[in-house]
């Protein structure tokens, strides 16, 4: 999902568009508020949440193949037992 967000969702707005002050997460993609359960579980919404949790050094990569390789190796070097544990970081 994070590869999909990186490759196809360039039109998503960043948090810096919504906050005037210099926040820690200003370069993260802004998560849209969702009213229905279906939209909360959509690829765009969950993919955006996962993409925002990826370290900045991986997000800044421009080469898609290198990004994909780093995303595959990232969980191997960190002990995440579930997606919920990764998102709760």
Protein backbone atom coordinates (compact mmCIF):
# COMPACT_ATOMS: atom_id res chain seq x y z
CA UNK A 1 0.00 0.00 0.00
CA UNK A 2 2.82 2.40 0.76
CA UNK A 3 4.29 1.85 -2.71
CA UNK A 4 0.89 2.67 -4.21
CA UNK A 5 0.69 5.90 -2.20
CA UNK A 6 4.22 6.92 -3.22
CA UNK A 7 3.68 6.17 -6.90
CA UNK A 8 0.13 7.28 -7.62
CA UNK A 9 -1.04 9.73 -4.96
CA UNK A 10 0.95 12.88 -5.69
CA UNK A 11 -2.20 14.98 -5.47
CA UNK A 12 -2.56 14.31 -1.73
CA UNK A 13 -2.09 17.39 0.45
CA UNK A 14 0.64 17.58 3.07
CA UNK A 15 0.14 18.58 6.69
CA UNK A 16 2.14 21.74 6.01
CA UNK A 17 -0.80 23.00 3.91
CA UNK A 18 -3.04 22.86 6.99
CA UNK A 19 -0.70 24.10 9.73
CA UNK A 20 0.94 27.51 9.78
CA UNK A 21 3.50 26.55 12.43
CA UNK A 22 6.50 24.32 11.87
CA UNK A 23 5.28 20.94 13.16
CA UNK A 24 7.19 17.69 13.45
CA UNK A 25 4.93 15.89 10.97
CA UNK A 26 4.63 18.72 8.44
CA UNK A 27 5.84 16.60 5.50
CA UNK A 28 3.38 13.76 6.15
CA UNK A 29 0.35 13.30 3.94
CA UNK A 30 -2.80 14.75 5.50
CA UNK A 31 -5.27 12.03 6.46
CA UNK A 32 -8.79 12.87 5.34
CA UNK A 33 -11.57 12.54 7.91
CA UNK A 34 -13.89 9.65 7.11
CA UNK A 35 -17.50 9.23 8.13
CA UNK A 36 -18.13 5.69 6.94
CA UNK A 37 -16.41 2.47 7.89
CA UNK A 38 -15.87 1.66 4.22
CA UNK A 39 -13.88 4.82 3.58
CA UNK A 40 -11.85 4.31 6.78
CA UNK A 41 -10.73 0.92 5.45
CA UNK A 42 -9.96 2.16 1.94
CA UNK A 43 -6.56 1.67 0.33
CA UNK A 44 -5.96 5.42 0.24
CA UNK A 45 -6.72 5.94 3.93
CA UNK A 46 -4.85 2.93 5.34
CA UNK A 47 -2.01 3.36 2.84
CA UNK A 48 -1.61 6.99 3.88
CA UNK A 49 -1.45 6.03 7.56
CA UNK A 50 1.21 3.39 6.84
CA UNK A 51 3.16 5.74 4.56
CA UNK A 52 3.24 8.41 7.27
CA UNK A 53 4.81 5.91 9.71
CA UNK A 54 7.69 5.04 7.37
CA UNK A 55 10.97 6.77 8.35
CA UNK A 56 11.79 9.98 6.48
CA UNK A 57 14.95 8.60 4.88
CA UNK A 58 12.84 6.00 3.04
CA UNK A 59 10.10 8.48 2.07
CA UNK A 60 12.63 10.84 0.47
CA UNK A 61 13.87 8.21 -2.00
CA UNK A 62 13.04 9.05 -5.62
CA UNK A 63 13.99 5.74 -7.21
CA UNK A 64 10.87 3.52 -7.03
CA UNK A 65 12.77 0.20 -7.15
CA UNK A 66 15.12 1.26 -4.35
CA UNK A 67 12.16 2.48 -2.30
CA UNK A 68 10.38 -0.83 -2.75
CA UNK A 69 13.50 -2.75 -1.71
CA UNK A 70 13.94 -0.60 1.42
CA UNK A 71 10.27 -1.02 2.34
CA UNK A 72 10.63 -4.79 2.11
CA UNK A 73 13.77 -4.87 4.26
CA UNK A 74 12.55 -2.36 6.87
CA UNK A 75 10.26 -4.77 8.81
CA UNK A 76 12.95 -7.47 8.69
CA UNK A 77 15.30 -5.30 10.76
CA UNK A 78 12.59 -4.27 13.25
CA UNK A 79 10.47 -6.67 15.30
CA UNK A 80 6.86 -5.74 14.50
CA UNK A 81 4.40 -8.45 15.47
CA UNK A 82 1.38 -6.85 13.82
CA UNK A 83 0.34 -3.91 11.66
CA UNK A 84 -1.31 -2.35 14.71
CA UNK A 85 2.04 -2.36 16.55
CA UNK A 86 3.73 -0.63 13.59
CA UNK A 87 1.01 2.01 13.34
CA UNK A 88 1.09 2.70 17.08
CA UNK A 89 4.74 3.87 16.92
